[in-house]
N, C-alpha and C. Protein backbone atom coordinates (compact mmCIF):
# COMPACT_ATOMS: atom_id res chain seq x y z
N UNK A 1 27.09 9.71 59.49
CA UNK A 1 27.62 10.57 59.13
C UNK A 1 27.30 11.60 57.57
N UNK A 2 26.71 10.39 57.28
CA UNK A 2 26.04 10.55 56.31
C UNK A 2 24.81 11.52 56.43
N UNK A 3 23.90 10.87 57.39
CA UNK A 3 22.12 11.87 57.95
C UNK A 3 22.79 12.56 58.03
N UNK A 4 23.59 13.56 58.46
CA UNK A 4 24.16 15.18 59.39
C UNK A 4 24.04 15.71 58.17
N UNK A 5 24.75 15.53 56.77
CA UNK A 5 24.94 16.48 55.37
C UNK A 5 23.54 16.14 55.08
N UNK A 6 22.78 15.43 54.72
CA UNK A 6 21.29 15.48 54.63
C UNK A 6 20.40 16.76 55.38
N UNK A 7 20.54 16.14 56.48
CA UNK A 7 19.85 17.30 57.20
C UNK A 7 20.22 18.57 57.12
N UNK A 8 21.63 19.02 56.99
CA UNK A 8 22.09 20.48 56.80
C UNK A 8 21.25 21.07 55.08
N UNK A 9 21.33 19.94 54.14
CA UNK A 9 20.73 20.34 52.87
C UNK A 9 19.40 20.53 52.92
N UNK A 10 18.48 20.04 54.07
CA UNK A 10 17.25 20.26 54.73
C UNK A 10 16.55 20.89 54.56
N UNK A 11 17.78 21.60 55.82
CA UNK A 11 17.30 22.50 56.41
C UNK A 11 18.29 23.75 55.65
N UNK A 12 18.64 23.58 54.59
CA UNK A 12 19.58 24.53 53.84
C UNK A 12 18.32 25.32 52.55
N UNK A 13 17.57 23.71 52.02
CA UNK A 13 16.74 24.14 51.11
C UNK A 13 15.38 25.22 52.38
N UNK A 14 15.57 24.52 52.98
CA UNK A 14 13.90 24.96 53.78
C UNK A 14 13.84 26.42 54.00
N UNK A 15 15.69 26.94 54.37
CA UNK A 15 15.56 28.66 54.37
C UNK A 15 15.63 28.79 53.56
N UNK A 16 15.86 28.52 52.09
CA UNK A 16 15.90 29.29 51.04
C UNK A 16 14.81 29.60 50.61
N UNK A 17 13.62 28.69 50.96
CA UNK A 17 11.89 28.25 50.18
C UNK A 17 11.77 29.64 51.18
N UNK A 18 12.14 29.24 52.28
CA UNK A 18 11.28 30.75 53.06
C UNK A 18 11.52 32.10 52.55
N UNK A 19 12.91 32.29 51.91
CA UNK A 19 13.27 33.50 52.03
C UNK A 19 12.48 34.06 50.65
N UNK A 20 12.15 33.07 50.03
CA UNK A 20 11.75 33.34 48.36
C UNK A 20 10.39 34.06 48.90
N UNK A 21 9.86 32.93 49.38
CA UNK A 21 8.32 33.31 49.51
C UNK A 21 8.31 35.06 50.15
N UNK A 22 8.78 35.45 51.54
CA UNK A 22 9.40 36.35 52.20
C UNK A 22 9.21 37.61 50.93
N UNK A 23 10.40 37.16 50.39
CA UNK A 23 10.72 38.48 48.53
C UNK A 23 9.55 38.20 47.90
N UNK A 24 8.50 36.61 47.85
CA UNK A 24 7.55 36.95 46.74
C UNK A 24 6.33 38.07 47.90
N UNK A 25 6.29 37.87 48.70
CA UNK A 25 5.27 38.25 50.03
C UNK A 25 5.22 40.22 49.43
N UNK A 26 7.01 40.44 49.68
CA UNK A 26 7.43 42.02 49.64
C UNK A 26 7.13 42.22 48.09
N UNK A 27 7.41 41.65 47.42
CA UNK A 27 7.54 42.56 46.17
C UNK A 27 6.07 42.46 45.69
N UNK A 28 4.99 42.23 45.76
CA UNK A 28 3.51 41.46 45.99
C UNK A 28 3.26 43.56 45.94
N UNK A 29 2.82 44.15 44.87
CA UNK A 29 2.19 45.60 44.91
C UNK A 29 1.01 45.95 46.26
N UNK A 30 0.87 46.71 46.61
CA UNK A 30 -0.81 47.11 47.84
C UNK A 30 -1.20 48.55 47.21
N UNK A 31 -2.63 47.93 47.55
CA UNK A 31 -3.45 48.63 46.94
C UNK A 31 -3.59 50.44 47.63
N UNK A 32 -3.23 51.22 47.59
CA UNK A 32 -3.48 52.21 48.80
C UNK A 32 -4.59 52.82 49.02
N UNK A 33 -5.52 53.41 49.85
CA UNK A 33 -6.70 53.54 50.13
C UNK A 33 -7.14 54.99 50.08
N UNK A 34 -7.37 56.36 49.26
CA UNK A 34 -7.72 57.40 49.56
C UNK A 34 -8.48 57.87 50.68
N UNK A 35 -8.31 58.90 51.18
CA UNK A 35 -9.68 59.50 52.54
C UNK A 35 -9.60 60.95 52.10
N UNK A 36 -10.82 61.73 52.79
CA UNK A 36 -10.17 62.77 52.73
C UNK A 36 -9.59 63.26 54.29
N UNK A 37 -9.46 63.15 54.95
CA UNK A 37 -9.06 63.77 56.38
C UNK A 37 -8.15 62.48 56.66
N UNK A 38 -7.26 63.29 57.57
CA UNK A 38 -6.65 62.28 58.42
C UNK A 38 -6.90 61.50 59.69
N UNK A 39 -8.25 62.52 60.29
CA UNK A 39 -8.67 62.13 60.94
C UNK A 39 -9.57 60.29 60.91
N UNK A 40 -9.86 60.16 59.87
CA UNK A 40 -10.57 58.96 58.97
C UNK A 40 -9.65 58.21 59.05
N UNK A 41 -8.59 58.03 59.58
CA UNK A 41 -7.65 56.80 59.27
C UNK A 41 -7.68 56.42 61.04
N UNK A 42 -8.34 55.57 61.15
CA UNK A 42 -8.78 55.03 62.41
C UNK A 42 -7.06 53.30 63.35
N UNK A 43 -7.55 52.18 62.53
CA UNK A 43 -6.67 51.44 62.54
C UNK A 43 -5.71 50.90 61.06
N UNK A 44 -4.74 52.17 61.72
CA UNK A 44 -3.96 51.95 60.55
C UNK A 44 -2.34 50.62 61.10
N UNK A 45 -2.20 49.91 60.61
CA UNK A 45 -1.76 48.99 60.94
C UNK A 45 -0.02 49.04 60.31
N UNK A 46 0.67 47.91 60.98
CA UNK A 46 2.32 47.85 60.68
C UNK A 46 2.43 47.94 59.30
N UNK A 47 2.71 49.05 58.18
CA UNK A 47 3.20 49.26 56.92
C UNK A 47 2.11 49.09 56.13
N UNK A 48 1.04 49.62 56.72
CA UNK A 48 0.00 50.42 55.81
C UNK A 48 -0.30 51.35 55.31
N UNK A 49 -0.57 52.07 54.24
CA UNK A 49 -0.35 53.33 54.07
C UNK A 49 -2.08 53.48 53.42
N UNK A 50 -1.77 54.81 53.98
CA UNK A 50 -3.15 55.45 53.26
C UNK A 50 -3.27 56.61 52.70
N UNK A 51 -3.80 56.99 51.73
CA UNK A 51 -3.36 58.32 51.03
C UNK A 51 -4.51 59.14 51.44
N UNK A 52 -3.99 60.52 51.63
CA UNK A 52 -4.71 61.61 52.40
C UNK A 52 -5.06 62.92 51.35
N UNK A 53 -6.09 63.44 51.46
CA UNK A 53 -6.17 64.70 50.13
C UNK A 53 -6.85 65.64 50.44
N UNK A 54 -6.53 66.00 51.65
CA UNK A 54 -6.93 67.09 52.55
C UNK A 54 -6.51 68.31 51.85
N UNK A 55 -5.45 68.55 51.11
CA UNK A 55 -5.23 70.01 50.63
C UNK A 55 -4.07 70.40 51.32
N UNK A 56 -3.45 69.29 52.09
CA UNK A 56 -2.28 70.05 53.24
C UNK A 56 -0.31 70.05 51.69
N UNK A 57 -0.78 69.49 50.72
CA UNK A 57 0.18 68.85 50.10
C UNK A 57 0.24 70.13 49.00
N UNK A 58 1.41 69.84 48.31
CA UNK A 58 1.58 70.82 47.03
C UNK A 58 0.69 70.41 45.99
N UNK A 59 0.28 70.90 44.91
CA UNK A 59 -0.13 70.46 43.86
C UNK A 59 0.14 69.82 43.42
N UNK A 60 -0.35 68.68 42.27
CA UNK A 60 0.32 66.98 42.43
C UNK A 60 0.49 66.71 42.98
N UNK A 61 0.48 66.75 44.39
CA UNK A 61 0.85 65.97 45.37
C UNK A 61 -0.28 65.25 46.28
N UNK A 62 -0.15 64.38 47.47
CA UNK A 62 -0.79 63.83 48.18
C UNK A 62 -0.09 63.53 49.45
N UNK A 63 -1.04 63.47 50.43
CA UNK A 63 -0.35 63.28 52.19
C UNK A 63 -0.49 61.48 52.11
N UNK A 64 0.80 60.63 52.14
CA UNK A 64 0.21 59.25 52.88
C UNK A 64 0.94 59.12 54.11
N UNK A 65 0.16 58.77 54.84
CA UNK A 65 -0.19 58.46 55.85
C UNK A 65 0.34 56.64 56.02
N UNK A 66 1.58 56.48 56.83
CA UNK A 66 1.64 55.12 56.89
C UNK A 66 2.10 54.34 58.77
N UNK A 67 1.66 53.67 59.06
CA UNK A 67 2.57 52.93 59.94
C UNK A 67 4.32 52.20 59.46
N UNK A 68 5.01 53.31 60.49
CA UNK A 68 6.13 52.74 60.66
C UNK A 68 6.92 51.88 61.55
N UNK A 69 6.50 52.01 62.44
CA UNK A 69 6.87 51.08 63.10
C UNK A 69 6.44 51.41 64.28
N UNK A 70 6.44 50.15 65.20
CA UNK A 70 5.79 49.72 66.91
C UNK A 70 6.56 50.33 68.03
N UNK A 71 5.59 50.73 68.67
CA UNK A 71 6.02 51.67 69.90
C UNK A 71 5.57 50.78 71.41
N UNK A 72 5.51 51.23 72.01
CA UNK A 72 5.09 50.99 73.74
C UNK A 72 3.36 51.12 73.14
N UNK A 73 3.25 52.77 73.06
CA UNK A 73 1.85 53.52 72.53
C UNK A 73 0.88 52.51 71.48
N UNK A 74 1.92 51.94 70.82
CA UNK A 74 0.60 51.34 69.65
C UNK A 74 1.90 51.75 68.24
N UNK A 75 1.01 52.39 66.78
CA UNK A 75 1.92 52.04 66.13
C UNK A 75 2.10 53.66 65.32
N UNK A 76 3.27 53.72 65.51
CA UNK A 76 3.71 55.17 64.84
C UNK A 76 3.25 55.43 63.42
N UNK A 77 2.82 56.26 63.72
CA UNK A 77 2.45 57.40 62.09
C UNK A 77 3.98 57.95 61.20
N UNK A 78 3.88 58.02 60.47
CA UNK A 78 4.64 58.81 59.33
C UNK A 78 3.73 59.66 58.51
N UNK A 79 4.07 60.95 58.57
CA UNK A 79 3.50 61.58 56.82
C UNK A 79 4.48 61.74 55.77
N UNK A 80 4.47 61.94 54.51
CA UNK A 80 4.67 62.87 54.01
C UNK A 80 3.97 62.59 52.63
N UNK A 81 4.33 63.87 51.82
CA UNK A 81 3.67 64.59 50.71
C UNK A 81 4.59 63.55 48.97
N UNK A 82 3.63 62.84 48.85
CA UNK A 82 3.83 61.57 47.30
C UNK A 82 3.27 62.19 46.76
N UNK A 83 4.14 62.05 44.89
CA UNK A 83 3.27 62.21 43.22
C UNK A 83 1.67 61.88 43.72
N UNK A 84 0.99 62.53 42.94
CA UNK A 84 -0.40 61.94 43.09
C UNK A 84 -0.43 61.42 41.56
N UNK A 85 -1.05 60.35 41.45
CA UNK A 85 -1.10 58.88 40.25
C UNK A 85 -2.86 59.27 39.95
N UNK A 86 -2.59 59.96 39.21
CA UNK A 86 -4.36 59.41 38.29
C UNK A 86 -5.48 60.67 38.65
N UNK A 87 -6.25 61.14 37.80
CA UNK A 87 -7.33 62.18 38.51
C UNK A 87 -7.63 62.08 40.12
N UNK A 88 -7.65 63.30 40.59
CA UNK A 88 -8.54 63.44 42.10
C UNK A 88 -9.64 62.57 41.76
N UNK A 89 -9.67 61.75 42.99
CA UNK A 89 -10.67 61.56 44.48
C UNK A 89 -10.92 62.46 45.21
N UNK A 90 -12.83 61.97 45.30
CA UNK A 90 -13.57 62.46 45.90
C UNK A 90 -13.64 61.56 47.03
């Protein structure tokens, strides 16, 4: 009966370690890349964010294209205007 309790503890410890690893990976900031046109974004991955500086957003903002979810046809793109950080890039 004691071996059952130890295996439950081991499974609980492995679950907590796995959860900690996932949280660490999610907390790591990713660098967004800038492109000049939305057509230049070819292979967008799930969760990837690309900043598009094509002039469609108001002053001080840039368009963010992100791979939001999976569909039968591929990855669905979502666009929104976000604040621009730093100087304008060419």
